[in-house]
Structures are given as structure tokens and as C-alpha cells.
PDB file of N, CA and C in Angstrom:
ATOM      1  N   UNK A   1     -51.889  12.645  30.899  1.00  0.00           N
ATOM      2  CA  UNK A   1     -53.344  12.583  31.225  1.00  0.00           C
ATOM      3  C   UNK A   1     -53.958  11.720  30.121  1.00  0.00           C
ATOM      4  N   UNK A   2     -54.814  10.831  30.519  1.00  0.00           N
ATOM      5  CA  UNK A   2     -55.595   9.961  29.637  1.00  0.00           C
ATOM      6  C   UNK A   2     -56.797  10.615  29.061  1.00  0.00           C
ATOM      7  N   UNK A   3     -57.218  10.271  27.851  1.00  0.00           N
ATOM      8  CA  UNK A   3     -58.492  10.735  27.366  1.00  0.00           C
ATOM      9  C   UNK A   3     -59.353   9.562  26.981  1.00  0.00           C
ATOM     10  N   UNK A   4     -60.650   9.702  27.185  1.00  0.00           N
ATOM     11  CA  UNK A   4     -61.599   8.674  26.784  1.00  0.00           C
ATOM     12  C   UNK A   4     -62.357   9.107  25.605  1.00  0.00           C
ATOM     13  N   UNK A   5     -62.532   8.290  24.612  1.00  0.00           N
ATOM     14  CA  UNK A   5     -63.279   8.667  23.400  1.00  0.00           C
ATOM     15  C   UNK A   5     -63.929   7.431  22.784  1.00  0.00           C
ATOM     16  N   UNK A   6     -64.920   7.772  21.999  1.00  0.00           N
ATOM     17  CA  UNK A   6     -65.663   6.665  21.257  1.00  0.00           C
ATOM     18  C   UNK A   6     -66.742   6.079  22.129  1.00  0.00           C
ATOM     19  N   UNK A   7     -67.804   5.699  21.482  1.00  0.00           N
ATOM     20  CA  UNK A   7     -68.880   4.937  22.217  1.00  0.00           C
ATOM     21  C   UNK A   7     -69.266   3.802  21.220  1.00  0.00           C
ATOM     22  N   UNK A   8     -69.029   2.581  21.667  1.00  0.00           N
ATOM     23  CA  UNK A   8     -69.206   1.453  20.792  1.00  0.00           C
ATOM     24  C   UNK A   8     -70.053   0.365  21.459  1.00  0.00           C
ATOM     25  N   UNK A   9     -70.718  -0.482  20.713  1.00  0.00           N
ATOM     26  CA  UNK A   9     -71.405  -1.580  21.333  1.00  0.00           C
ATOM     27  C   UNK A   9     -71.074  -2.863  20.481  1.00  0.00           C
ATOM     28  N   UNK A  10     -71.185  -3.938  21.225  1.00  0.00           N
ATOM     29  CA  UNK A  10     -70.804  -5.230  20.556  1.00  0.00           C
ATOM     30  C   UNK A  10     -71.806  -6.337  21.006  1.00  0.00           C
ATOM     31  N   UNK A  11     -72.483  -6.947  20.079  1.00  0.00           N
ATOM     32  CA  UNK A  11     -73.452  -8.008  20.419  1.00  0.00           C
ATOM     33  C   UNK A  11     -72.767  -9.204  20.937  1.00  0.00           C
ATOM     34  N   UNK A  12     -73.543 -10.092  21.620  1.00  0.00           N
ATOM     35  CA  UNK A  12     -72.961 -11.341  22.148  1.00  0.00           C
ATOM     36  C   UNK A  12     -72.276 -12.189  21.052  1.00  0.00           C
ATOM     37  N   UNK A  13     -71.128 -12.710  21.413  1.00  0.00           N
ATOM     38  CA  UNK A  13     -70.428 -13.594  20.424  1.00  0.00           C
ATOM     39  C   UNK A  13     -69.820 -12.828  19.254  1.00  0.00           C
ATOM     40  N   UNK A  14     -69.785 -11.514  19.263  1.00  0.00           N
ATOM     41  CA  UNK A  14     -69.241 -10.819  18.106  1.00  0.00           C
ATOM     42  C   UNK A  14     -67.812 -10.278  18.501  1.00  0.00           C
ATOM     43  N   UNK A  15     -67.046  -9.861  17.455  1.00  0.00           N
ATOM     44  CA  UNK A  15     -65.718  -9.242  17.621  1.00  0.00           C
ATOM     45  C   UNK A  15     -65.661  -8.066  16.727  1.00  0.00           C
ATOM     46  N   UNK A  16     -64.841  -7.063  17.105  1.00  0.00           N
ATOM     47  CA  UNK A  16     -64.599  -5.945  16.331  1.00  0.00           C
ATOM     48  C   UNK A  16     -63.136  -5.646  16.314  1.00  0.00           C
ATOM     49  N   UNK A  17     -62.538  -5.507  15.106  1.00  0.00           N
ATOM     50  CA  UNK A  17     -61.220  -5.137  14.931  1.00  0.00           C
ATOM     51  C   UNK A  17     -61.006  -3.703  14.726  1.00  0.00           C
ATOM     52  N   UNK A  18     -60.010  -3.107  15.367  1.00  0.00           N
ATOM     53  CA  UNK A  18     -59.789  -1.656  15.275  1.00  0.00           C
ATOM     54  C   UNK A  18     -58.353  -1.373  14.870  1.00  0.00           C
ATOM     55  N   UNK A  19     -58.164  -0.278  14.183  1.00  0.00           N
ATOM     56  CA  UNK A  19     -56.831   0.176  13.888  1.00  0.00           C
ATOM     57  C   UNK A  19     -56.734   1.685  14.025  1.00  0.00           C
ATOM     58  N   UNK A  20     -55.548   2.139  14.486  1.00  0.00           N
ATOM     59  CA  UNK A  20     -55.298   3.515  14.782  1.00  0.00           C
ATOM     60  C   UNK A  20     -53.938   3.934  14.068  1.00  0.00           C
ATOM     61  N   UNK A  21     -53.883   4.985  13.343  1.00  0.00           N
ATOM     62  CA  UNK A  21     -52.655   5.404  12.663  1.00  0.00           C
ATOM     63  C   UNK A  21     -52.133   6.690  13.297  1.00  0.00           C
ATOM     64  N   UNK A  22     -50.823   6.708  13.518  1.00  0.00           N
ATOM     65  CA  UNK A  22     -50.127   7.846  14.102  1.00  0.00           C
ATOM     66  C   UNK A  22     -48.911   8.126  13.308  1.00  0.00           C
ATOM     67  N   UNK A  23     -48.521   9.411  13.217  1.00  0.00           N
ATOM     68  CA  UNK A  23     -47.237   9.657  12.492  1.00  0.00           C
ATOM     69  C   UNK A  23     -46.088   8.915  13.165  1.00  0.00           C
ATOM     70  N   UNK A  24     -45.184   8.407  12.419  1.00  0.00           N
ATOM     71  CA  UNK A  24     -44.050   7.629  13.017  1.00  0.00           C
ATOM     72  C   UNK A  24     -43.097   8.568  13.673  1.00  0.00           C
ATOM     73  N   UNK A  25     -42.890   8.394  15.012  1.00  0.00           N
ATOM     74  CA  UNK A  25     -42.012   9.188  15.798  1.00  0.00           C
ATOM     75  C   UNK A  25     -41.143   8.206  16.635  1.00  0.00           C
ATOM     76  N   UNK A  26     -39.851   8.476  16.651  1.00  0.00           N
ATOM     77  CA  UNK A  26     -38.980   7.658  17.453  1.00  0.00           C
ATOM     78  C   UNK A  26     -39.320   7.880  18.989  1.00  0.00           C
ATOM     79  N   UNK A  27     -39.470   6.836  19.750  1.00  0.00           N
ATOM     80  CA  UNK A  27     -39.759   6.967  21.100  1.00  0.00           C
ATOM     81  C   UNK A  27     -41.188   7.221  21.524  1.00  0.00           C
ATOM     82  N   UNK A  28     -42.142   7.301  20.542  1.00  0.00           N
ATOM     83  CA  UNK A  28     -43.500   7.520  20.895  1.00  0.00           C
ATOM     84  C   UNK A  28     -44.264   6.148  20.991  1.00  0.00           C
ATOM     85  N   UNK A  29     -45.072   6.012  22.060  1.00  0.00           N
ATOM     86  CA  UNK A  29     -45.786   4.838  22.299  1.00  0.00           C
ATOM     87  C   UNK A  29     -47.194   5.184  22.840  1.00  0.00           C
ATOM     88  N   UNK A  30     -48.232   4.888  22.045  1.00  0.00           N
ATOM     89  CA  UNK A  30     -49.573   5.149  22.543  1.00  0.00           C
ATOM     90  C   UNK A  30     -49.970   3.967  23.460  1.00  0.00           C
ATOM     91  N   UNK A  31     -50.701   4.228  24.471  1.00  0.00           N
ATOM     92  CA  UNK A  31     -51.329   3.318  25.352  1.00  0.00           C
ATOM     93  C   UNK A  31     -52.806   3.364  25.140  1.00  0.00           C
ATOM     94  N   UNK A  32     -53.403   2.382  24.483  1.00  0.00           N
ATOM     95  CA  UNK A  32     -54.825   2.396  24.155  1.00  0.00           C
ATOM     96  C   UNK A  32     -55.444   1.163  24.860  1.00  0.00           C
ATOM     97  N   UNK A  33     -56.463   1.389  25.552  1.00  0.00           N
ATOM     98  CA  UNK A  33     -57.207   0.334  26.208  1.00  0.00           C
ATOM     99  C   UNK A  33     -58.695   0.478  26.048  1.00  0.00           C
ATOM    100  N   UNK A  34     -59.433  -0.492  26.528  1.00  0.00           N
ATOM    101  CA  UNK A  34     -60.885  -0.405  26.363  1.00  0.00           C
ATOM    102  C   UNK A  34     -61.536  -0.445  27.779  1.00  0.00           C
ATOM    103  N   UNK A  35     -62.528   0.374  28.007  1.00  0.00           N
ATOM    104  CA  UNK A  35     -63.146   0.471  29.277  1.00  0.00           C
ATOM    105  C   UNK A  35     -64.661   0.096  29.086  1.00  0.00           C
ATOM    106  N   UNK A  36     -65.231  -0.930  29.748  1.00  0.00           N
ATOM    107  CA  UNK A  36     -66.668  -1.194  29.585  1.00  0.00           C
ATOM    108  C   UNK A  36     -67.427  -0.044  30.178  1.00  0.00           C
ATOM    109  N   UNK A  37     -68.517   0.329  29.487  1.00  0.00           N
ATOM    110  CA  UNK A  37     -69.348   1.380  29.932  1.00  0.00           C
ATOM    111  C   UNK A  37     -70.809   0.867  30.279  1.00  0.00           C
ATOM    112  N   UNK A  38     -70.980  -0.460  30.199  1.00  0.00           N
ATOM    113  CA  UNK A  38     -72.257  -1.024  30.627  1.00  0.00           C
ATOM    114  C   UNK A  38     -71.942  -2.226  31.570  1.00  0.00           C
ATOM    115  N   UNK A  39     -72.852  -2.489  32.475  1.00  0.00           N
ATOM    116  CA  UNK A  39     -72.611  -3.652  33.402  1.00  0.00           C
ATOM    117  C   UNK A  39     -72.735  -4.967  32.750  1.00  0.00           C
ATOM    118  N   UNK A  40     -72.150  -5.980  33.283  1.00  0.00           N
ATOM    119  CA  UNK A  40     -72.156  -7.374  32.716  1.00  0.00           C
ATOM    120  C   UNK A  40     -72.849  -8.247  33.690  1.00  0.00           C
ATOM    121  N   UNK A  41     -74.063  -8.689  33.271  1.00  0.00           N
ATOM    122  CA  UNK A  41     -74.865  -9.586  34.132  1.00  0.00           C
ATOM    123  C   UNK A  41     -74.732 -11.078  33.778  1.00  0.00           C
ATOM    124  N   UNK A  42     -73.703 -11.346  32.906  1.00  0.00           N
ATOM    125  CA  UNK A  42     -73.451 -12.757  32.549  1.00  0.00           C
ATOM    126  C   UNK A  42     -73.003 -13.577  33.777  1.00  0.00           C
ATOM    127  N   UNK A  43     -73.661 -14.731  34.080  1.00  0.00           N
ATOM    128  CA  UNK A  43     -73.184 -15.481  35.205  1.00  0.00           C
ATOM    129  C   UNK A  43     -71.704 -15.958  35.009  1.00  0.00           C
ATOM    130  N   UNK A  44     -71.034 -15.998  36.175  1.00  0.00           N
ATOM    131  CA  UNK A  44     -69.639 -16.511  36.142  1.00  0.00           C
ATOM    132  C   UNK A  44     -68.631 -15.516  35.614  1.00  0.00           C
ATOM    133  N   UNK A  45     -68.993 -14.243  35.538  1.00  0.00           N
ATOM    134  CA  UNK A  45     -68.027 -13.280  34.952  1.00  0.00           C
ATOM    135  C   UNK A  45     -66.847 -13.198  35.922  1.00  0.00           C
ATOM    136  N   UNK A  46     -65.675 -13.047  35.349  1.00  0.00           N
ATOM    137  CA  UNK A  46     -64.417 -12.950  36.091  1.00  0.00           C
ATOM    138  C   UNK A  46     -63.256 -13.178  35.128  1.00  0.00           C
ATOM    139  N   UNK A  47     -62.094 -13.253  35.677  1.00  0.00           N
ATOM    140  CA  UNK A  47     -60.879 -13.442  34.785  1.00  0.00           C
ATOM    141  C   UNK A  47     -60.962 -14.852  34.161  1.00  0.00           C
ATOM    142  N   UNK A  48     -60.683 -14.976  32.932  1.00  0.00           N
ATOM    143  CA  UNK A  48     -60.600 -16.252  32.220  1.00  0.00           C
ATOM    144  C   UNK A  48     -59.885 -15.993  30.899  1.00  0.00           C
ATOM    145  N   UNK A  49     -59.606 -17.017  30.136  1.00  0.00           N
ATOM    146  CA  UNK A  49     -58.934 -16.786  28.804  1.00  0.00           C
ATOM    147  C   UNK A  49     -59.994 -17.180  27.770  1.00  0.00           C
ATOM    148  N   UNK A  50     -60.077 -16.314  26.735  1.00  0.00           N
ATOM    149  CA  UNK A  50     -61.004 -16.502  25.652  1.00  0.00           C
ATOM    150  C   UNK A  50     -60.234 -16.908  24.411  1.00  0.00           C
ATOM    151  N   UNK A  51     -60.615 -17.996  23.761  1.00  0.00           N
ATOM    152  CA  UNK A  51     -60.092 -18.427  22.522  1.00  0.00           C
ATOM    153  C   UNK A  51     -61.001 -17.958  21.392  1.00  0.00           C
ATOM    154  N   UNK A  52     -60.352 -17.463  20.276  1.00  0.00           N
ATOM    155  CA  UNK A  52     -61.235 -16.907  19.203  1.00  0.00           C
ATOM    156  C   UNK A  52     -61.180 -17.865  18.033  1.00  0.00           C
ATOM    157  N   UNK A  53     -60.964 -19.109  18.178  1.00  0.00           N
ATOM    158  CA  UNK A  53     -60.927 -20.021  17.031  1.00  0.00           C
ATOM    159  C   UNK A  53     -62.285 -20.107  16.298  1.00  0.00           C
ATOM    160  N   UNK A  54     -63.408 -19.906  17.039  1.00  0.00           N
ATOM    161  CA  UNK A  54     -64.703 -19.898  16.405  1.00  0.00           C
ATOM    162  C   UNK A  54     -64.982 -18.679  15.525  1.00  0.00           C
ATOM    163  N   UNK A  55     -64.122 -17.633  15.629  1.00  0.00           N
ATOM    164  CA  UNK A  55     -64.201 -16.477  14.815  1.00  0.00           C
ATOM    165  C   UNK A  55     -63.216 -16.599  13.647  1.00  0.00           C
ATOM    166  N   UNK A  56     -62.587 -17.729  13.430  1.00  0.00           N
ATOM    167  CA  UNK A  56     -61.726 -17.877  12.335  1.00  0.00           C
ATOM    168  C   UNK A  56     -60.377 -17.433  12.614  1.00  0.00           C
ATOM    169  N   UNK A  57     -60.007 -17.135  13.891  1.00  0.00           N
ATOM    170  CA  UNK A  57     -58.706 -16.687  14.258  1.00  0.00           C
ATOM    171  C   UNK A  57     -57.964 -17.799  15.109  1.00  0.00           C
ATOM    172  N   UNK A  58     -57.582 -18.843  14.508  1.00  0.00           N
ATOM    173  CA  UNK A  58     -57.137 -20.037  15.237  1.00  0.00           C
ATOM    174  C   UNK A  58     -55.773 -19.616  15.990  1.00  0.00           C
ATOM    175  N   UNK A  59     -55.606 -20.198  17.174  1.00  0.00           N
ATOM    176  CA  UNK A  59     -54.460 -20.038  17.984  1.00  0.00           C
ATOM    177  C   UNK A  59     -54.300 -18.704  18.732  1.00  0.00           C
ATOM    178  N   UNK A  60     -55.301 -17.942  18.774  1.00  0.00           N
ATOM    179  CA  UNK A  60     -55.146 -16.643  19.547  1.00  0.00           C
ATOM    180  C   UNK A  60     -56.038 -16.756  20.712  1.00  0.00           C
ATOM    181  N   UNK A  61     -55.454 -16.418  21.914  1.00  0.00           N
ATOM    182  CA  UNK A  61     -56.221 -16.286  23.156  1.00  0.00           C
ATOM    183  C   UNK A  61     -55.686 -15.173  24.001  1.00  0.00           C
ATOM    184  N   UNK A  62     -56.509 -14.618  24.868  1.00  0.00           N
ATOM    185  CA  UNK A  62     -56.035 -13.557  25.709  1.00  0.00           C
ATOM    186  C   UNK A  62     -56.967 -13.391  26.911  1.00  0.00           C
ATOM    187  N   UNK A  63     -56.555 -12.832  28.030  1.00  0.00           N
ATOM    188  CA  UNK A  63     -57.398 -12.685  29.151  1.00  0.00           C
ATOM    189  C   UNK A  63     -58.637 -11.792  28.947  1.00  0.00           C
ATOM    190  N   UNK A  64     -59.693 -12.113  29.604  1.00  0.00           N
ATOM    191  CA  UNK A  64     -60.845 -11.231  29.603  1.00  0.00           C
ATOM    192  C   UNK A  64     -61.419 -11.052  30.975  1.00  0.00           C
ATOM    193  N   UNK A  65     -62.054 -10.003  31.136  1.00  0.00           N
ATOM    194  CA  UNK A  65     -62.709  -9.691  32.418  1.00  0.00           C
ATOM    195  C   UNK A  65     -64.128  -9.250  32.039  1.00  0.00           C
ATOM    196  N   UNK A  66     -65.077  -9.727  32.782  1.00  0.00           N
ATOM    197  CA  UNK A  66     -66.535  -9.466  32.507  1.00  0.00           C
ATOM    198  C   UNK A  66     -66.909  -9.669  31.139  1.00  0.00           C
ATOM    199  N   UNK A  67     -66.385 -10.764  30.503  1.00  0.00           N
ATOM    200  CA  UNK A  67     -66.717 -11.196  29.188  1.00  0.00           C
ATOM    201  C   UNK A  67     -66.464 -10.242  28.040  1.00  0.00           C
ATOM    202  N   UNK A  68     -65.648  -9.202  28.313  1.00  0.00           N
ATOM    203  CA  UNK A  68     -65.204  -8.371  27.274  1.00  0.00           C
ATOM    204  C   UNK A  68     -63.729  -8.562  27.105  1.00  0.00           C
ATOM    205  N   UNK A  69     -63.339  -9.277  26.063  1.00  0.00           N
ATOM    206  CA  UNK A  69     -61.945  -9.623  25.735  1.00  0.00           C
ATOM    207  C   UNK A  69     -61.322  -8.553  24.862  1.00  0.00           C
ATOM    208  N   UNK A  70     -60.080  -8.206  25.220  1.00  0.00           N
ATOM    209  CA  UNK A  70     -59.365  -7.186  24.476  1.00  0.00           C
ATOM    210  C   UNK A  70     -57.966  -7.698  24.233  1.00  0.00           C
ATOM    211  N   UNK A  71     -57.583  -7.750  22.957  1.00  0.00           N
ATOM    212  CA  UNK A  71     -56.234  -8.228  22.679  1.00  0.00           C
ATOM    213  C   UNK A  71     -55.166  -7.211  23.061  1.00  0.00           C
ATOM    214  N   UNK A  72     -53.886  -7.697  23.017  1.00  0.00           N
ATOM    215  CA  UNK A  72     -52.780  -6.848  23.171  1.00  0.00           C
ATOM    216  C   UNK A  72     -52.705  -5.913  21.943  1.00  0.00           C
ATOM    217  N   UNK A  73     -52.284  -4.697  22.144  1.00  0.00           N
ATOM    218  CA  UNK A  73     -52.092  -3.738  21.076  1.00  0.00           C
ATOM    219  C   UNK A  73     -50.869  -4.167  20.283  1.00  0.00           C
ATOM    220  N   UNK A  74     -51.010  -4.383  19.006  1.00  0.00           N
ATOM    221  CA  UNK A  74     -49.821  -4.596  18.181  1.00  0.00           C
ATOM    222  C   UNK A  74     -49.736  -3.666  17.054  1.00  0.00           C
ATOM    223  N   UNK A  75     -48.536  -3.529  16.424  1.00  0.00           N
ATOM    224  CA  UNK A  75     -48.426  -2.458  15.409  1.00  0.00           C
ATOM    225  C   UNK A  75     -47.587  -2.818  14.238  1.00  0.00           C
ATOM    226  N   UNK A  76     -47.637  -2.075  13.177  1.00  0.00           N
ATOM    227  CA  UNK A  76     -46.767  -2.189  12.066  1.00  0.00           C
ATOM    228  C   UNK A  76     -46.508  -0.869  11.429  1.00  0.00           C
ATOM    229  N   UNK A  77     -45.361  -0.803  10.746  1.00  0.00           N
ATOM    230  CA  UNK A  77     -44.992   0.454  10.070  1.00  0.00           C
ATOM    231  C   UNK A  77     -45.594   0.517   8.709  1.00  0.00           C
ATOM    232  N   UNK A  78     -46.230   1.633   8.308  1.00  0.00           N
ATOM    233  CA  UNK A  78     -46.818   1.725   6.961  1.00  0.00           C
ATOM    234  C   UNK A  78     -45.771   1.564   5.849  1.00  0.00           C
ATOM    235  N   UNK A  79     -46.216   1.070   4.709  1.00  0.00           N
ATOM    236  CA  UNK A  79     -45.311   0.789   3.612  1.00  0.00           C
ATOM    237  C   UNK A  79     -44.404   2.015   3.306  1.00  0.00           C
ATOM    238  N   UNK A  80     -44.842   3.212   3.382  1.00  0.00           N
ATOM    239  CA  UNK A  80     -44.002   4.387   3.148  1.00  0.00           C
ATOM    240  C   UNK A  80     -43.184   4.839   4.352  1.00  0.00           C
ATOM    241  N   UNK A  81     -43.341   4.192   5.488  1.00  0.00           N
ATOM    242  CA  UNK A  81     -42.587   4.498   6.687  1.00  0.00           C
ATOM    243  C   UNK A  81     -42.928   5.771   7.466  1.00  0.00           C
ATOM    244  N   UNK A  82     -44.051   6.402   7.052  1.00  0.00           N
ATOM    245  CA  UNK A  82     -44.463   7.695   7.641  1.00  0.00           C
ATOM    246  C   UNK A  82     -45.442   7.465   8.812  1.00  0.00           C
ATOM    247  N   UNK A  83     -46.108   6.336   8.930  1.00  0.00           N
ATOM    248  CA  UNK A  83     -47.069   6.064   9.966  1.00  0.00           C
ATOM    249  C   UNK A  83     -46.852   4.746  10.706  1.00  0.00           C
ATOM    250  N   UNK A  84     -47.170   4.729  11.962  1.00  0.00           N
ATOM    251  CA  UNK A  84     -47.292   3.435  12.673  1.00  0.00           C
ATOM    252  C   UNK A  84     -48.808   3.148  12.757  1.00  0.00           C
ATOM    253  N   UNK A  85     -49.110   1.931  12.427  1.00  0.00           N
ATOM    254  CA  UNK A  85     -50.538   1.543  12.530  1.00  0.00           C
ATOM    255  C   UNK A  85     -50.698   0.516  13.643  1.00  0.00           C
ATOM    256  N   UNK A  86     -51.560   0.855  14.667  1.00  0.00           N
ATOM    257  CA  UNK A  86     -51.801   0.055  15.777  1.00  0.00           C
ATOM    258  C   UNK A  86     -53.075  -0.683  15.694  1.00  0.00           C
ATOM    259  N   UNK A  87     -53.122  -2.005  16.076  1.00  0.00           N
ATOM    260  CA  UNK A  87     -54.254  -2.830  15.872  1.00  0.00           C
ATOM    261  C   UNK A  87     -54.716  -3.313  17.229  1.00  0.00           C
ATOM    262  N   UNK A  88     -56.052  -3.567  17.361  1.00  0.00           N
ATOM    263  CA  UNK A  88     -56.683  -3.940  18.644  1.00  0.00           C
ATOM    264  C   UNK A  88     -57.870  -4.782  18.280  1.00  0.00           C
ATOM    265  N   UNK A  89     -58.116  -5.918  18.977  1.00  0.00           N
ATOM    266  CA  UNK A  89     -59.290  -6.722  18.752  1.00  0.00           C
ATOM    267  C   UNK A  89     -60.144  -6.806  19.978  1.00  0.00           C
ATOM    268  N   UNK A  90     -61.464  -6.480  19.899  1.00  0.00           N
ATOM    269  CA  UNK A  90     -62.312  -6.521  21.085  1.00  0.00           C
ATOM    270  C   UNK A  90     -63.399  -7.608  20.820  1.00  0.00           C
ATOM    271  N   UNK A  91     -63.649  -8.481  21.850  1.00  0.00           N
ATOM    272  CA  UNK A  91     -64.544  -9.571  21.709  1.00  0.00           C
ATOM    273  C   UNK A  91     -65.533  -9.565  22.868  1.00  0.00           C
ATOM    274  N   UNK A  92     -66.790  -9.842  22.505  1.00  0.00           N
ATOM    275  CA  UNK A  92     -67.899  -9.949  23.550  1.00  0.00           C
ATOM    276  C   UNK A  92     -68.104 -11.480  23.714  1.00  0.00           C
ATOM    277  N   UNK A  93     -67.719 -12.076  24.840  1.00  0.00           N
ATOM    278  CA  UNK A  93     -67.937 -13.488  25.090  1.00  0.00           C
ATOM    279  C   UNK A  93     -69.040 -13.662  26.081  1.00  0.00           C
ATOM    280  N   UNK A  94     -69.845 -12.651  26.347  1.00  0.00           N
ATOM    281  CA  UNK A  94     -71.001 -12.765  27.271  1.00  0.00           C
ATOM    282  C   UNK A  94     -72.334 -13.043  26.492  1.00  0.00           C
ATOM    283  N   UNK A  95     -73.390 -12.918  27.199  1.00  0.00           N
ATOM    284  CA  UNK A  95     -74.702 -13.221  26.675  1.00  0.00           C
ATOM    285  C   UNK A  95     -75.629 -12.001  26.468  1.00  0.00           C
ATOM    286  N   UNK A  96     -75.026 -10.778  26.534  1.00  0.00           N
ATOM    287  CA  UNK A  96     -75.746  -9.563  26.310  1.00  0.00           C
ATOM    288  C   UNK A  96     -74.795  -8.586  25.612  1.00  0.00           C
ATOM    289  N   UNK A  97     -75.402  -7.567  25.054  1.00  0.00           N
ATOM    290  CA  UNK A  97     -74.629  -6.475  24.350  1.00  0.00           C
ATOM    291  C   UNK A  97     -73.753  -5.755  25.325  1.00  0.00           C
ATOM    292  N   UNK A  98     -72.530  -5.541  24.962  1.00  0.00           N
ATOM    293  CA  UNK A  98     -71.551  -4.786  25.794  1.00  0.00           C
ATOM    294  C   UNK A  98     -71.287  -3.439  25.119  1.00  0.00           C
ATOM    295  N   UNK A  99     -71.259  -2.335  25.911  1.00  0.00           N
ATOM    296  CA  UNK A  99     -70.891  -1.052  25.426  1.00  0.00           C
ATOM    297  C   UNK A  99     -69.565  -0.727  26.012  1.00  0.00           C
ATOM    298  N   UNK A 100     -68.724  -0.066  25.282  1.00  0.00           N
ATOM    299  CA  UNK A 100     -67.375   0.235  25.674  1.00  0.00           C
ATOM    300  C   UNK A 100     -66.837   1.508  25.026  1.00  0.00           C
ATOM    301  N   UNK A 101     -65.734   2.061  25.630  1.00  0.00           N
ATOM    302  CA  UNK A 101     -65.102   3.284  25.105  1.00  0.00           C
ATOM    303  C   UNK A 101     -63.593   2.994  25.080  1.00  0.00           C
ATOM    304  N   UNK A 102     -62.854   3.771  24.315  1.00  0.00           N
ATOM    305  CA  UNK A 102     -61.419   3.666  24.315  1.00  0.00           C
ATOM    306  C   UNK A 102     -60.816   4.651  25.264  1.00  0.00           C
ATOM    307  N   UNK A 103     -59.724   4.276  25.956  1.00  0.00           N
ATOM    308  CA  UNK A 103     -58.991   5.168  26.869  1.00  0.00           C
ATOM    309  C   UNK A 103     -57.605   5.209  26.293  1.00  0.00           C
ATOM    310  N   UNK A 104     -57.023   6.382  26.076  1.00  0.00           N
ATOM    311  CA  UNK A 104     -55.702   6.593  25.542  1.00  0.00           C
ATOM    312  C   UNK A 104     -54.802   7.508  26.326  1.00  0.00           C
ATOM    313  N   UNK A 105     -53.554   7.149  26.405  1.00  0.00           N
ATOM    314  CA  UNK A 105     -52.545   7.994  27.060  1.00  0.00           C
ATOM    315  C   UNK A 105     -51.289   7.773  26.189  1.00  0.00           C
ATOM    316  N   UNK A 106     -50.617   8.812  25.864  1.00  0.00           N
ATOM    317  CA  UNK A 106     -49.417   8.683  25.003  1.00  0.00           C
ATOM    318  C   UNK A 106     -48.170   8.809  25.882  1.00  0.00           C
ATOM    319  N   UNK A 107     -47.207   7.902  25.652  1.00  0.00           N
ATOM    320  CA  UNK A 107     -45.914   7.987  26.418  1.00  0.00           C
ATOM    321  C   UNK A 107     -44.814   8.506  25.446  1.00  0.00           C
TER     322      UNK A 107
END
């Protein structure tokens, strides 16, 4: 069963980087995604690719829908090997503030 948590907002043209730490467990995989909680009135909203070079992150692009771009979840093991740290980037490529929440299910 998935759970939804957090209430966040992002201004036009802004990005937010998030990280989540979990105890290191063999075979554990969190599925974390982002759900918009506000409508998008930006003209031309639909599937496209957003590049984030203007944010200083050259060479990264990923699909977006309704001008809320969300990166693939990536992870690393903590230096002591006790935790997995998961990273996620959220970008607002629209012309209005976007509100969103996290949705998580663990496999």
C-alpha cells in the first residue's frame, strides 16, 4: 500500500533537491514519486523533456508532465554502510507555483 506525505511548493523556474535515508537492507527498494496537488494552467502542458543546464546541472534531462519535472530516483550507500541514501530532483518548468506531495511504496 502506498502512502502520501509532505506538502511542498515550488516557484516557477525553481528546483528542489531531496534525499531520503533508509537502513541498508538487502532486497529493499523504496518507490518514491511525486504527485502534483495543484492544477497546471501553463499553456502547452504535456509530455516533453526538460534540460536543467540553466540550473547549473549540465547534461541532465528527464521527462516532465504538466511542467513538473521529476528525476529518476538514484541512491548511494552511506560511508559507514548502514544506510542507503536516495536522491530525487523536482523542477517547476511552468509559469506558476506548483504544489506537490510525495507518494511512497516499499518493495
